[in-house]
Structures are given as structure tokens and as C-alpha cells.
């Protein structure tokens, strides 16, 4: 489906955006997205909260307000106790309540593997939609959450994870991107996406156009506790290697950037932060707003440049 099929489709499938956007009127557009995955933690309520925050994030990345959601569930009813599902749904409901989003129902199936997520509807003014394209030369890149959830959950699965490291990623994964999105309102934001399964480089690559590229200052990257150590140990998820294989050709790496930092730039994130391209003039104000809102990990991590056409440089 594209605009030639429906003239009110503002955002469709063509540029790998975080959600679809359909114009309903001159001053109202509908945002729609769906996301789900299998458990990454043992506690079902924690899993529910993480999955809900992850699903809601796509609406915030589009500059919108999430208003309504539907549960999407697959559960092996004859293999797992139903209390696991009840706990998951309770955790998801808690996160929706925090986000002031109505739960309107959902759909479940008996499946070989447990998965949970949400389809989410949101609203935005048609003129204020944020997309992953539109970054301009000189823009500052701001990242709102640390990276490294992939390597830490890999360590967790192997029984090698430091409890403090696990606690920190759980708190972050449960954190809504709602406040971060609200901090962007009224500022000169040109592009936005959330950093999830394709990793920082993979999602940053979606901001690239033939005439622009990105430079990421790896010394400025916010990293989770123990993430660098685990990456150096080789505790990396399979998705990291796939991300690297897919995007390696568009990457330039300065000689001083260590291998663990290069790997972490591809680490698949769960319920990661927003990556924002904002004018240099408004970047400091955005960071000030975010720090005032207790988004303490938010920081400038790079710039947009016409000198790096179609490329990402790790420096």
C-alpha cells in the first residue's frame, strides 16, 4: 500500500519507519504499530512491562501520543502454567496505565512458543509526524538510553550476568519513551527513530540518505554497566552478528575505536531509547529538558554530515 493506492497514507512501508501513519483530517492523523517477542527475563510481570514499553515506543518515535492498545499473545497452553500468562498480562496492563493508554482487548493463540506484545494506536498532527528520514547537515544526534541489553541478556542466559547489570537493563527496558518524546515538542527535530533489534548502527542507517551520512562519537556512547566487559568477552547474541553482516558495508571505523565498541554499536536492543536528529541550535535545550525529566542517560553522540554521503563513521 502506498500513496498511489491511498492518498491519505502519510507513512507506509517504504522507508522502514517505526509505524504507519494515516491522515484522518486536516489536523489529525492515526499512528498504528504492532510488536511482540518471546520472554527475555524469567519474571512474567517484568516481561509484560518490558514488552508493553517496547510496543508503545514506536508511537513516541513518530512524535505521537499513544491512546489505545490491543494485546497480542501466543501461549503454549498445554506446556506452561497459565499463571505465567496472567502475570505477563498484568505487567503489560501496569505499563499501559502508566502511559495513560486504554487497553481495548486483544487476540491470543495456542502456539509452540510464548510471545507477547501489543498493537498500538496513537494520534499526531499530520504536520508534526516524525520519520526516520529528514535529518539535515549539521544536526546533532541525541540518544536517550544506554546500549548493551543484547550482550547482557546473553550473559544472563549463560548464567554469567552480574545482578547489578541485569537490574539496570531491566529498569531501562521498562522505562517508557513517553517523557523523551514530550521533551522534543516544539523543538527543531528533523528525524527520529527508536533503537531496537537492528542495533544503534542499524537504526541510524535508516536516517541516511544518498546525500547525507552520520558520524558517531563512540567515546560519547552511553553504555550499560558491564556491557563493554561482556562484549570484550565475546558474549554476543546472534542478532549482533546478523546486524553487523547486513550493515558493515556502509560503515567507516576510525583506527582508535576498540572492537568491543564496534560490536556494541550493532548490539540488538530491547525497548531501547530514541535516536533523535535535531538542529544544532536546539540540541542543548533538548538535552536540558531530558535531564530535567530525569532521563539521565540522554546525551549527544554524533552529528549529521554531507561529507559522509551514505555512510556511518564510528570515530
Protein backbone atom coordinates (compact mmCIF):
# COMPACT_ATOMS: atom_id res chain seq x y z
CA UNK A 1 0.00 0.00 0.00
CA UNK A 2 1.33 3.45 -0.85
CA UNK A 3 0.02 6.91 -1.56
CA UNK A 4 -0.89 5.96 -5.10
CA UNK A 5 -3.31 3.45 -3.55
CA UNK A 6 -4.45 5.67 -0.67
CA UNK A 7 -3.70 9.40 -0.81
CA UNK A 8 -4.02 9.85 2.97
CA UNK A 9 -1.24 7.41 3.83
CA UNK A 10 1.49 9.69 5.20
CA UNK A 11 3.90 6.92 6.24
CA UNK A 12 3.84 3.40 4.84
CA UNK A 13 6.31 0.57 4.45
CA UNK A 14 8.81 2.15 2.09
CA UNK A 15 11.44 3.62 4.45
CA UNK A 16 11.35 1.14 7.36
CA UNK A 17 9.68 3.66 9.64
CA UNK A 18 8.60 2.68 13.14
CA UNK A 19 4.85 2.87 12.46
CA UNK A 20 2.27 3.61 9.79
CA UNK A 21 0.51 6.98 9.74
CA UNK A 22 -2.82 7.71 8.06
CA UNK A 23 -4.33 11.19 7.76
CA UNK A 24 -7.89 11.29 9.15
CA UNK A 25 -8.46 15.03 8.80
CA UNK A 26 -6.52 18.24 8.28
CA UNK A 27 -5.43 18.27 11.92
CA UNK A 28 -5.49 14.60 12.94
CA UNK A 29 -3.59 11.51 11.84
CA UNK A 30 -3.71 7.93 13.11
CA UNK A 31 -0.49 6.10 14.06
CA UNK A 32 -0.57 2.29 14.03
CA UNK A 33 2.09 -0.22 15.04
CA UNK A 34 2.45 -3.78 16.34
CA UNK A 35 5.33 -5.53 18.06
CA UNK A 36 5.82 -8.72 20.09
CA UNK A 37 8.62 -11.07 21.13
CA UNK A 38 9.45 -14.05 23.32
CA UNK A 39 10.45 -13.67 27.02
CA UNK A 40 13.90 -12.26 27.73
CA UNK A 41 13.55 -12.39 31.54
CA UNK A 42 12.13 -15.06 33.83
CA UNK A 43 9.63 -12.95 35.78
CA UNK A 44 6.37 -12.78 33.77
CA UNK A 45 5.24 -9.39 35.08
CA UNK A 46 8.61 -7.87 34.24
CA UNK A 47 8.38 -9.39 30.75
CA UNK A 48 4.92 -7.87 30.33
CA UNK A 49 6.11 -4.41 31.32
CA UNK A 50 9.12 -4.58 29.00
CA UNK A 51 7.07 -5.83 26.04
CA UNK A 52 4.46 -3.11 26.55
CA UNK A 53 7.06 -0.33 26.81
CA UNK A 54 8.74 -1.66 23.68
CA UNK A 55 5.48 -1.68 21.71
CA UNK A 56 4.47 1.82 22.80
CA UNK A 57 7.87 3.20 21.82
CA UNK A 58 7.10 3.16 18.10
CA UNK A 59 4.32 5.73 18.57
CA UNK A 60 6.60 8.02 20.56
CA UNK A 61 9.28 7.71 17.89
CA UNK A 62 6.79 9.08 15.35
CA UNK A 63 6.17 12.15 17.51
CA UNK A 64 2.75 10.92 18.56
CA UNK A 65 0.64 10.18 21.61
CA UNK A 66 -0.34 6.57 22.29
CA UNK A 67 -4.06 6.27 23.09
CA UNK A 68 -5.22 2.66 22.71
CA UNK A 69 -3.73 -0.84 22.59
CA UNK A 70 -4.62 -4.48 21.98
CA UNK A 71 -2.78 -7.47 23.46
CA UNK A 72 -1.10 -9.89 21.03
CA UNK A 73 -0.44 -13.26 22.69
CA UNK A 74 0.89 -16.67 21.76
CA UNK A 75 0.93 -19.20 24.59
CA UNK A 76 1.58 -22.97 24.74
CA UNK A 77 -1.47 -23.68 26.88
CA UNK A 78 -0.64 -27.36 27.44
CA UNK A 79 3.04 -26.80 28.25
CA UNK A 80 3.23 -23.78 30.58
CA UNK A 81 1.18 -22.83 33.66
CA UNK A 82 -1.44 -20.21 32.87
CA UNK A 83 -0.22 -18.09 35.80
CA UNK A 84 2.74 -17.11 33.62
CA UNK A 85 0.35 -15.60 31.10
CA UNK A 86 -1.70 -13.89 33.79
CA UNK A 87 1.45 -12.32 35.22
CA UNK A 88 2.57 -11.13 31.81
CA UNK A 89 -0.79 -9.53 31.07
CA UNK A 90 -0.79 -7.87 34.49
CA UNK A 91 2.64 -6.37 33.85
CA UNK A 92 1.57 -5.11 30.44
CA UNK A 93 -1.55 -3.53 31.93
CA UNK A 94 0.55 -1.76 34.56
CA UNK A 95 2.69 -0.16 31.88
CA UNK A 96 -0.34 0.89 29.82
CA UNK A 97 -1.84 2.52 32.91
CA UNK A 98 1.40 4.43 33.47
CA UNK A 99 1.31 5.59 29.84
CA UNK A 100 -2.40 6.56 30.11
CA UNK A 101 -3.25 4.18 27.27
CA UNK A 102 -6.55 2.29 27.14
CA UNK A 103 -6.46 -1.49 26.72
CA UNK A 104 -9.29 -2.34 24.33
CA UNK A 105 -8.86 -6.12 24.09
CA UNK A 106 -6.58 -8.34 22.09
CA UNK A 107 -6.07 -11.71 20.47
CA UNK A 108 -4.41 -14.92 21.64
CA UNK A 109 -3.47 -18.21 20.05
CA UNK A 110 -2.19 -21.56 21.28
CA UNK A 111 1.38 -21.51 19.96
CA UNK A 112 4.50 -23.66 20.39
CA UNK A 113 6.32 -20.71 21.98
CA UNK A 114 5.25 -17.99 24.40
CA UNK A 115 5.22 -14.47 22.94
CA UNK A 116 3.60 -11.21 23.96
CA UNK A 117 3.28 -7.68 22.67
CA UNK A 118 0.78 -5.04 21.64
CA UNK A 119 -0.78 -3.44 18.66
CA UNK A 120 -0.91 0.26 19.48
CA UNK A 121 -2.87 3.17 18.06
CA UNK A 122 -1.77 6.74 18.52
CA UNK A 123 -2.53 10.23 17.27
CA UNK A 124 -0.44 13.05 15.85
CA UNK A 125 -0.98 16.23 13.86
CA UNK A 126 -0.28 15.45 10.19
CA UNK A 127 2.24 18.30 10.03
CA UNK A 128 4.15 17.08 13.09
CA UNK A 129 4.89 13.48 12.13
CA UNK A 130 8.49 12.46 12.80
CA UNK A 131 10.10 9.94 10.48
CA UNK A 132 13.48 8.25 10.33
CA UNK A 133 14.30 10.34 7.24
CA UNK A 134 14.74 14.09 7.16
CA UNK A 135 17.99 14.66 9.07
CA UNK A 136 19.90 17.73 7.90
CA UNK A 137 23.57 18.61 7.59
CA UNK A 138 24.86 19.83 10.95
CA UNK A 139 22.14 18.16 13.02
CA UNK A 140 23.15 16.72 16.38
CA UNK A 141 22.34 13.09 17.16
CA UNK A 142 20.88 12.53 20.63
CA UNK A 143 20.44 9.07 22.16
CA UNK A 144 18.17 8.73 25.21
CA UNK A 145 19.08 5.32 26.67
CA UNK A 146 22.31 3.33 27.06
CA UNK A 147 23.10 0.40 24.77
CA UNK A 148 24.14 -3.15 25.63
CA UNK A 149 20.93 -5.01 26.52
CA UNK A 150 21.75 -7.72 23.98
CA UNK A 151 25.13 -8.68 25.38
CA UNK A 152 23.87 -8.52 28.97
CA UNK A 153 20.84 -10.73 28.30
CA UNK A 154 23.20 -13.13 26.52
CA UNK A 155 25.33 -13.24 29.67
CA UNK A 156 22.15 -13.76 31.69
CA UNK A 157 21.13 -16.75 29.60
CA UNK A 158 24.59 -18.21 30.12
CA UNK A 159 24.42 -17.70 33.88
CA UNK A 160 27.28 -15.19 33.82
CA UNK A 161 25.48 -11.89 34.30
CA UNK A 162 26.25 -9.52 37.16
CA UNK A 163 22.99 -8.90 39.14
CA UNK A 164 23.56 -5.13 39.12
CA UNK A 165 23.96 -5.15 35.34
CA UNK A 166 20.72 -7.11 34.93
CA UNK A 167 18.87 -4.78 37.30
CA UNK A 168 19.98 -1.71 35.36
CA UNK A 169 18.87 -3.03 31.95
CA UNK A 170 15.51 -4.16 33.36
CA UNK A 171 14.84 -0.69 34.76
CA UNK A 172 15.75 0.84 31.41
CA UNK A 173 13.76 -1.63 29.30
CA UNK A 174 10.68 -0.96 31.44
CA UNK A 175 11.09 2.81 31.05
CA UNK A 176 8.67 4.46 28.65
CA UNK A 177 9.97 6.77 25.92
CA UNK A 178 6.93 8.96 26.55
CA UNK A 179 8.80 11.65 28.50
CA UNK A 180 11.60 11.73 25.93
CA UNK A 181 9.06 12.29 23.16
CA UNK A 182 7.37 15.06 25.15
CA UNK A 183 10.74 16.78 25.59
CA UNK A 184 11.03 17.09 21.78
CA UNK A 185 7.77 19.03 21.40
CA UNK A 186 8.23 22.48 19.89
CA UNK A 187 11.90 21.94 19.05
CA UNK A 188 13.52 21.70 15.62
CA UNK A 189 13.62 17.89 15.40
CA UNK A 190 14.20 16.65 11.85
CA UNK A 191 14.19 12.86 12.28
CA UNK A 192 13.62 10.27 14.98
CA UNK A 193 13.60 6.51 15.45
CA UNK A 194 13.86 4.11 18.37
CA UNK A 195 16.84 1.80 18.78
CA UNK A 196 15.70 -1.81 19.00
CA UNK A 197 16.55 -5.08 17.28
CA UNK A 198 18.78 -3.73 14.50
CA UNK A 199 21.09 -2.03 16.99
CA UNK A 200 22.35 1.55 17.02
CA UNK A 201 24.07 1.36 13.62
CA UNK A 202 21.15 -0.47 12.02
CA UNK A 203 18.59 2.11 13.09
CA UNK A 204 20.94 5.03 12.47
CA UNK A 205 21.38 3.69 8.94
CA UNK A 206 17.69 4.29 8.34
CA UNK A 207 18.37 8.02 8.76
CA UNK A 208 20.93 8.01 5.95
CA UNK A 209 20.07 9.34 2.51
CA UNK A 210 22.25 9.49 -0.64
CA UNK A 211 23.46 12.99 0.18
CA UNK A 212 23.99 12.67 3.95
CA UNK A 213 25.69 10.40 6.46
CA UNK A 214 26.32 10.20 10.18
CA UNK A 215 29.35 10.39 12.44
CA UNK A 216 29.02 8.67 15.83
CA UNK A 217 31.47 9.58 18.58
CA UNK A 218 31.93 6.24 20.33
CA UNK A 219 33.51 7.91 23.37
CA UNK A 220 30.12 9.59 23.99
CA UNK A 221 28.02 6.43 23.78
CA UNK A 222 26.11 5.66 26.98
CA UNK A 223 26.80 2.01 27.84
CA UNK A 224 25.12 -0.22 30.39
CA UNK A 225 27.16 -1.43 33.34
CA UNK A 226 29.27 -4.45 32.27
CA UNK A 227 28.25 -4.17 28.59
CA UNK A 228 31.77 -3.35 27.40
CA UNK A 229 33.26 -6.13 29.52
CA UNK A 230 30.82 -8.74 28.21
CA UNK A 231 31.36 -7.64 24.61
CA UNK A 232 35.12 -7.98 25.11
CA UNK A 233 34.49 -11.50 26.41
CA UNK A 234 32.60 -12.41 23.25
CA UNK A 235 29.21 -12.73 24.98
CA UNK A 236 27.28 -11.52 21.95
CA UNK A 237 23.81 -12.51 20.70
CA UNK A 238 23.31 -13.95 17.23
CA UNK A 239 21.41 -10.83 16.23
CA UNK A 240 24.53 -8.74 16.70
CA UNK A 241 26.40 -10.76 14.09
CA UNK A 242 23.47 -10.55 11.67
CA UNK A 243 23.22 -6.78 12.17
CA UNK A 244 26.92 -6.40 11.50
CA UNK A 245 26.83 -8.53 8.36
CA UNK A 246 23.90 -6.53 6.97
CA UNK A 247 25.26 -3.01 7.63
CA UNK A 248 29.06 -3.45 7.65
CA UNK A 249 29.46 -2.18 4.08
CA UNK A 250 28.24 1.32 4.95
CA UNK A 251 30.48 1.65 7.99
CA UNK A 252 33.77 3.52 8.34
CA UNK A 253 35.68 2.95 11.58
CA UNK A 254 38.47 5.15 12.93
CA UNK A 255 41.62 3.26 13.94
CA UNK A 256 41.30 4.07 17.65
CA UNK A 257 37.80 2.57 18.08
CA UNK A 258 38.09 -0.69 20.00
CA UNK A 259 36.50 -3.92 18.79
CA UNK A 260 34.08 -4.16 21.74
CA UNK A 261 32.76 -0.65 20.98
CA UNK A 262 32.32 -1.58 17.32
CA UNK A 263 30.39 -4.68 18.36
CA UNK A 264 28.19 -2.79 20.81
CA UNK A 265 27.21 -0.39 18.03
CA UNK A 266 25.48 -3.39 16.41
CA UNK A 267 24.06 -4.89 19.61
CA UNK A 268 20.30 -5.58 19.27
CA UNK A 269 18.36 -3.65 21.89
CA UNK A 270 15.05 -4.40 23.54
CA UNK A 271 12.92 -1.38 24.41
CA UNK A 272 15.84 0.90 23.64
CA UNK A 273 15.96 4.67 23.57
CA UNK A 274 15.09 7.24 20.96
CA UNK A 275 17.69 8.39 18.43
CA UNK A 276 16.96 12.00 17.52
CA UNK A 277 18.38 14.24 14.80
CA UNK A 278 17.89 17.82 15.96
CA UNK A 279 19.23 21.16 14.81
CA UNK A 280 22.44 22.25 16.48
CA UNK A 281 20.66 25.35 17.79
CA UNK A 282 18.11 23.27 19.75
CA UNK A 283 20.26 20.31 20.83
CA UNK A 284 21.34 21.78 24.17
CA UNK A 285 17.76 22.70 25.06
CA UNK A 286 16.59 19.17 24.26
CA UNK A 287 19.26 17.65 26.48
CA UNK A 288 18.45 20.11 29.26
CA UNK A 289 14.77 19.20 29.07
CA UNK A 290 15.58 15.49 29.13
CA UNK A 291 17.92 15.78 32.10
CA UNK A 292 15.29 17.83 33.95
CA UNK A 293 12.85 14.99 33.20
CA UNK A 294 15.29 12.53 34.84
CA UNK A 295 16.33 10.98 31.52
CA UNK A 296 19.86 10.97 32.87
CA UNK A 297 21.47 8.85 30.13
CA UNK A 298 20.45 11.16 27.29
CA UNK A 299 23.45 12.63 25.52
CA UNK A 300 24.73 13.89 22.19
CA UNK A 301 26.51 11.05 20.41
CA UNK A 302 27.27 12.43 16.95
CA UNK A 303 26.38 14.62 14.01
CA UNK A 304 24.81 14.51 10.56
CA UNK A 305 27.13 15.46 7.70
CA UNK A 306 27.06 15.78 3.92
CA UNK A 307 30.74 14.79 3.99
CA UNK A 308 29.75 11.19 4.73
CA UNK A 309 27.23 10.57 1.96
CA UNK A 310 25.53 7.23 2.51
CA UNK A 311 27.97 6.25 5.29
CA UNK A 312 28.23 5.97 9.06
CA UNK A 313 31.57 6.71 10.64
CA UNK A 314 32.45 5.41 14.11
CA UNK A 315 35.06 7.77 15.49
